[in-house]
Amino acid sequence: MVKHMIIWKLKSEVSDKEACSKEIKESLEGLVGKIEGLTQMHILTESFPASTGDIMMDSIFENAEALSNYQKHPLHVEIANTKVRPNVDTRLSFDYEV
């Protein structure tokens, strides 16, 4: 199994960060069961004030190939291009085998 984690910092010009975060959360979590090999997706939007990121994705894939397929999957690409990338300033990722 492969763990895929991302931390996003929203752009300062995003007027309603709470609504934006909620839309990203609902969209990405809705991919479970729609993309083969994606077994879990948790989007965290409520952090301690000292946190430097706004949104964290914590996801699990069956293997590295499933993660690669997810990254190219049209459903994921649509969400990334319409809901995530236009609103995100910084993206950090970390992938590892569990």
N, C-alpha and C. Protein backbone atom coordinates (compact mmCIF):
# COMPACT_ATOMS: atom_id res chain seq x y z
N MET A 1 0.85 -1.17 0.00
CA MET A 1 0.00 0.00 0.00
C MET A 1 0.89 1.24 0.00
N VAL A 2 0.37 2.29 -0.60
CA VAL A 2 1.11 3.54 -0.72
C VAL A 2 0.31 4.67 -0.08
N LYS A 3 0.98 5.43 0.76
CA LYS A 3 0.38 6.61 1.39
C LYS A 3 0.80 7.82 0.57
N HIS A 4 -0.18 8.64 0.22
CA HIS A 4 0.05 9.86 -0.57
C HIS A 4 -0.51 11.02 0.24
N MET A 5 0.39 11.91 0.65
CA MET A 5 -0.03 13.03 1.48
C MET A 5 0.36 14.34 0.80
N ILE A 6 -0.54 15.31 0.90
CA ILE A 6 -0.29 16.63 0.32
C ILE A 6 -0.72 17.69 1.33
N ILE A 7 0.04 18.76 1.40
CA ILE A 7 -0.36 19.93 2.17
C ILE A 7 -0.43 21.10 1.19
N TRP A 8 -1.56 21.79 1.20
CA TRP A 8 -1.77 22.95 0.34
C TRP A 8 -1.89 24.22 1.17
N LYS A 9 -1.36 25.28 0.64
CA LYS A 9 -1.56 26.63 1.18
C LYS A 9 -2.39 27.37 0.14
N LEU A 10 -3.56 27.86 0.54
CA LEU A 10 -4.43 28.58 -0.38
C LEU A 10 -3.85 29.95 -0.72
N LYS A 11 -4.18 30.43 -1.90
CA LYS A 11 -3.76 31.76 -2.31
C LYS A 11 -4.36 32.81 -1.38
N SER A 12 -3.63 33.87 -1.14
CA SER A 12 -4.12 34.92 -0.24
C SER A 12 -5.37 35.59 -0.81
N GLU A 13 -5.53 35.59 -2.10
CA GLU A 13 -6.70 36.24 -2.70
C GLU A 13 -7.98 35.40 -2.69
N VAL A 14 -7.91 34.16 -2.18
CA VAL A 14 -9.12 33.35 -2.03
C VAL A 14 -9.97 34.03 -0.96
N SER A 15 -11.13 34.51 -1.36
CA SER A 15 -11.95 35.33 -0.45
C SER A 15 -12.62 34.51 0.65
N ASP A 16 -13.08 33.30 0.33
CA ASP A 16 -13.75 32.47 1.33
C ASP A 16 -12.99 31.14 1.43
N LYS A 17 -11.97 31.14 2.26
CA LYS A 17 -11.11 29.96 2.39
C LYS A 17 -11.87 28.76 2.94
N GLU A 18 -12.81 29.01 3.82
CA GLU A 18 -13.59 27.91 4.40
C GLU A 18 -14.42 27.22 3.32
N ALA A 19 -15.10 27.99 2.48
CA ALA A 19 -15.92 27.42 1.41
C ALA A 19 -15.05 26.71 0.37
N CYS A 20 -13.92 27.30 0.05
CA CYS A 20 -13.00 26.70 -0.91
C CYS A 20 -12.48 25.37 -0.39
N SER A 21 -12.07 25.35 0.87
CA SER A 21 -11.56 24.12 1.49
C SER A 21 -12.63 23.04 1.50
N LYS A 22 -13.85 23.42 1.81
CA LYS A 22 -14.96 22.46 1.85
C LYS A 22 -15.22 21.86 0.47
N GLU A 23 -15.17 22.69 -0.56
CA GLU A 23 -15.40 22.21 -1.92
C GLU A 23 -14.29 21.24 -2.35
N ILE A 24 -13.06 21.55 -2.04
CA ILE A 24 -11.94 20.66 -2.35
C ILE A 24 -12.11 19.34 -1.61
N LYS A 25 -12.43 19.43 -0.32
CA LYS A 25 -12.62 18.24 0.52
C LYS A 25 -13.70 17.33 -0.06
N GLU A 26 -14.86 17.87 -0.31
CA GLU A 26 -15.97 17.06 -0.81
C GLU A 26 -15.66 16.45 -2.18
N SER A 27 -15.02 17.22 -3.03
CA SER A 27 -14.71 16.74 -4.37
C SER A 27 -13.72 15.58 -4.34
N LEU A 28 -12.63 15.75 -3.59
CA LEU A 28 -11.61 14.71 -3.56
C LEU A 28 -12.06 13.48 -2.79
N GLU A 29 -12.73 13.66 -1.68
CA GLU A 29 -13.22 12.50 -0.93
C GLU A 29 -14.26 11.73 -1.73
N GLY A 30 -14.95 12.39 -2.63
CA GLY A 30 -15.93 11.74 -3.49
C GLY A 30 -15.34 10.83 -4.54
N LEU A 31 -14.03 10.84 -4.69
CA LEU A 31 -13.37 9.98 -5.68
C LEU A 31 -13.21 8.53 -5.21
N VAL A 32 -13.32 8.30 -3.90
CA VAL A 32 -13.20 6.94 -3.38
C VAL A 32 -14.35 6.10 -3.97
N GLY A 33 -14.01 4.96 -4.52
CA GLY A 33 -15.00 4.10 -5.15
C GLY A 33 -15.19 4.39 -6.63
N LYS A 34 -14.61 5.48 -7.10
CA LYS A 34 -14.71 5.86 -8.51
C LYS A 34 -13.41 5.66 -9.27
N ILE A 35 -12.30 5.60 -8.53
CA ILE A 35 -11.00 5.42 -9.16
C ILE A 35 -10.38 4.15 -8.57
N GLU A 36 -10.12 3.20 -9.45
CA GLU A 36 -9.58 1.91 -9.03
C GLU A 36 -8.23 2.11 -8.32
N GLY A 37 -8.08 1.43 -7.20
CA GLY A 37 -6.83 1.47 -6.46
C GLY A 37 -6.77 2.52 -5.37
N LEU A 38 -7.69 3.49 -5.40
CA LEU A 38 -7.78 4.50 -4.35
C LEU A 38 -8.64 3.89 -3.24
N THR A 39 -8.03 3.60 -2.10
CA THR A 39 -8.77 2.92 -1.04
C THR A 39 -9.26 3.86 0.06
N GLN A 40 -8.53 4.96 0.31
CA GLN A 40 -8.95 5.91 1.34
C GLN A 40 -8.54 7.32 0.93
N MET A 41 -9.38 8.28 1.29
CA MET A 41 -9.09 9.69 1.02
C MET A 41 -9.68 10.51 2.16
N HIS A 42 -8.82 11.17 2.89
CA HIS A 42 -9.25 12.05 3.98
C HIS A 42 -8.65 13.43 3.74
N ILE A 43 -9.51 14.42 3.69
CA ILE A 43 -9.07 15.80 3.53
C ILE A 43 -9.33 16.51 4.85
N LEU A 44 -8.26 17.07 5.42
CA LEU A 44 -8.36 17.76 6.70
C LEU A 44 -8.30 19.26 6.45
N THR A 45 -9.25 19.98 7.02
CA THR A 45 -9.34 21.42 6.78
C THR A 45 -9.30 22.24 8.07
N GLU A 46 -9.35 21.58 9.20
CA GLU A 46 -9.33 22.29 10.47
C GLU A 46 -8.02 21.98 11.19
N SER A 47 -7.19 22.98 11.33
CA SER A 47 -5.88 22.78 11.92
C SER A 47 -5.67 23.74 13.09
N PHE A 48 -4.60 23.51 13.81
CA PHE A 48 -4.23 24.43 14.89
C PHE A 48 -3.75 25.75 14.27
N PRO A 49 -3.89 26.84 14.98
CA PRO A 49 -3.47 28.14 14.47
C PRO A 49 -2.00 28.20 14.04
N ALA A 50 -1.13 27.41 14.65
CA ALA A 50 0.30 27.43 14.31
C ALA A 50 0.61 26.71 12.99
N SER A 51 -0.37 26.02 12.42
CA SER A 51 -0.14 25.30 11.17
C SER A 51 0.14 26.28 10.04
N THR A 52 1.02 25.89 9.14
CA THR A 52 1.37 26.77 8.01
C THR A 52 0.63 26.38 6.74
N GLY A 53 -0.05 25.25 6.73
CA GLY A 53 -0.86 24.84 5.59
C GLY A 53 -2.33 25.04 5.89
N ASP A 54 -3.14 25.07 4.82
CA ASP A 54 -4.59 25.25 4.98
C ASP A 54 -5.37 23.95 4.83
N ILE A 55 -4.87 23.06 3.99
CA ILE A 55 -5.58 21.81 3.70
C ILE A 55 -4.55 20.68 3.64
N MET A 56 -4.91 19.52 4.19
CA MET A 56 -4.05 18.35 4.09
C MET A 56 -4.82 17.18 3.50
N MET A 57 -4.22 16.53 2.53
CA MET A 57 -4.80 15.32 1.96
C MET A 57 -4.01 14.13 2.49
N ASP A 58 -4.73 13.15 3.00
CA ASP A 58 -4.13 11.92 3.51
C ASP A 58 -4.85 10.79 2.79
N SER A 59 -4.16 10.14 1.85
CA SER A 59 -4.82 9.12 1.04
C SER A 59 -3.98 7.85 0.98
N ILE A 60 -4.66 6.74 0.68
CA ILE A 60 -4.00 5.44 0.58
C ILE A 60 -4.40 4.79 -0.75
N PHE A 61 -3.38 4.24 -1.41
CA PHE A 61 -3.56 3.54 -2.69
C PHE A 61 -3.06 2.11 -2.55
N GLU A 62 -3.59 1.23 -3.38
CA GLU A 62 -3.20 -0.17 -3.32
C GLU A 62 -1.71 -0.36 -3.59
N ASN A 63 -1.15 0.45 -4.49
CA ASN A 63 0.26 0.34 -4.84
C ASN A 63 0.69 1.60 -5.61
N ALA A 64 1.96 1.67 -5.97
CA ALA A 64 2.48 2.85 -6.68
C ALA A 64 1.83 3.01 -8.05
N GLU A 65 1.50 1.92 -8.70
CA GLU A 65 0.83 2.00 -10.00
C GLU A 65 -0.55 2.63 -9.86
N ALA A 66 -1.27 2.28 -8.81
CA ALA A 66 -2.59 2.87 -8.57
C ALA A 66 -2.48 4.36 -8.33
N LEU A 67 -1.45 4.79 -7.60
CA LEU A 67 -1.23 6.23 -7.39
C LEU A 67 -0.95 6.92 -8.71
N SER A 68 -0.11 6.33 -9.53
CA SER A 68 0.21 6.91 -10.84
C SER A 68 -1.04 7.01 -11.71
N ASN A 69 -1.87 5.98 -11.69
CA ASN A 69 -3.11 6.00 -12.48
C ASN A 69 -4.08 7.06 -11.96
N TYR A 70 -4.16 7.23 -10.66
CA TYR A 70 -5.00 8.26 -10.04
C TYR A 70 -4.59 9.65 -10.52
N GLN A 71 -3.29 9.89 -10.54
CA GLN A 71 -2.80 11.21 -10.90
C GLN A 71 -3.15 11.60 -12.34
N LYS A 72 -3.37 10.60 -13.20
CA LYS A 72 -3.72 10.85 -14.60
C LYS A 72 -5.21 10.65 -14.88
N HIS A 73 -5.94 10.14 -13.91
CA HIS A 73 -7.35 9.82 -14.11
C HIS A 73 -8.16 11.09 -14.40
N PRO A 74 -9.04 11.05 -15.40
CA PRO A 74 -9.82 12.25 -15.77
C PRO A 74 -10.63 12.86 -14.63
N LEU A 75 -11.18 12.06 -13.74
CA LEU A 75 -11.95 12.61 -12.62
C LEU A 75 -11.05 13.40 -11.68
N HIS A 76 -9.87 12.88 -11.41
CA HIS A 76 -8.91 13.59 -10.56
C HIS A 76 -8.39 14.84 -11.25
N VAL A 77 -8.03 14.71 -12.52
CA VAL A 77 -7.48 15.85 -13.27
C VAL A 77 -8.48 17.00 -13.32
N GLU A 78 -9.76 16.68 -13.49
CA GLU A 78 -10.78 17.73 -13.53
C GLU A 78 -10.84 18.50 -12.21
N ILE A 79 -10.83 17.78 -11.10
CA ILE A 79 -10.87 18.44 -9.79
C ILE A 79 -9.59 19.25 -9.57
N ALA A 80 -8.46 18.67 -9.91
CA ALA A 80 -7.18 19.37 -9.74
C ALA A 80 -7.16 20.67 -10.55
N ASN A 81 -7.65 20.61 -11.77
CA ASN A 81 -7.59 21.78 -12.66
C ASN A 81 -8.65 22.84 -12.39
N THR A 82 -9.78 22.45 -11.78
CA THR A 82 -10.87 23.41 -11.58
C THR A 82 -11.04 23.87 -10.14
N LYS A 83 -10.65 23.03 -9.17
CA LYS A 83 -10.90 23.37 -7.77
C LYS A 83 -9.62 23.56 -6.96
N VAL A 84 -8.59 22.82 -7.30
CA VAL A 84 -7.36 22.89 -6.49
C VAL A 84 -6.38 23.91 -7.06
N ARG A 85 -5.83 23.65 -8.22
CA ARG A 85 -4.76 24.50 -8.77
C ARG A 85 -5.12 25.98 -8.86
N PRO A 86 -6.35 26.35 -9.26
CA PRO A 86 -6.67 27.79 -9.33
C PRO A 86 -6.66 28.49 -7.97
N ASN A 87 -6.77 27.73 -6.89
CA ASN A 87 -6.88 28.31 -5.55
C ASN A 87 -5.67 28.10 -4.66
N VAL A 88 -4.71 27.33 -5.13
CA VAL A 88 -3.57 26.95 -4.29
C VAL A 88 -2.31 27.69 -4.71
N ASP A 89 -1.61 28.19 -3.70
CA ASP A 89 -0.35 28.88 -3.91
C ASP A 89 0.83 27.93 -3.76
N THR A 90 0.77 27.06 -2.75
CA THR A 90 1.88 26.16 -2.44
C THR A 90 1.36 24.75 -2.27
N ARG A 91 2.14 23.78 -2.79
CA ARG A 91 1.78 22.36 -2.67
C ARG A 91 3.03 21.58 -2.28
N LEU A 92 2.93 20.82 -1.21
CA LEU A 92 4.00 19.91 -0.79
C LEU A 92 3.41 18.50 -0.76
N SER A 93 4.17 17.53 -1.25
CA SER A 93 3.68 16.15 -1.22
C SER A 93 4.72 15.24 -0.63
N PHE A 94 4.23 14.09 -0.13
CA PHE A 94 5.10 13.07 0.43
C PHE A 94 4.42 11.74 0.20
N ASP A 95 5.09 10.83 -0.48
CA ASP A 95 4.57 9.50 -0.77
C ASP A 95 5.49 8.47 -0.14
N TYR A 96 4.91 7.42 0.42
CA TYR A 96 5.72 6.35 1.00
C TYR A 96 4.92 5.06 1.06
N GLU A 97 5.65 3.96 1.15
CA GLU A 97 5.03 2.65 1.20
C GLU A 97 4.72 2.28 2.65
N VAL A 98 3.54 1.72 2.86
CA VAL A 98 3.15 1.27 4.20
C VAL A 98 2.96 -0.23 4.22
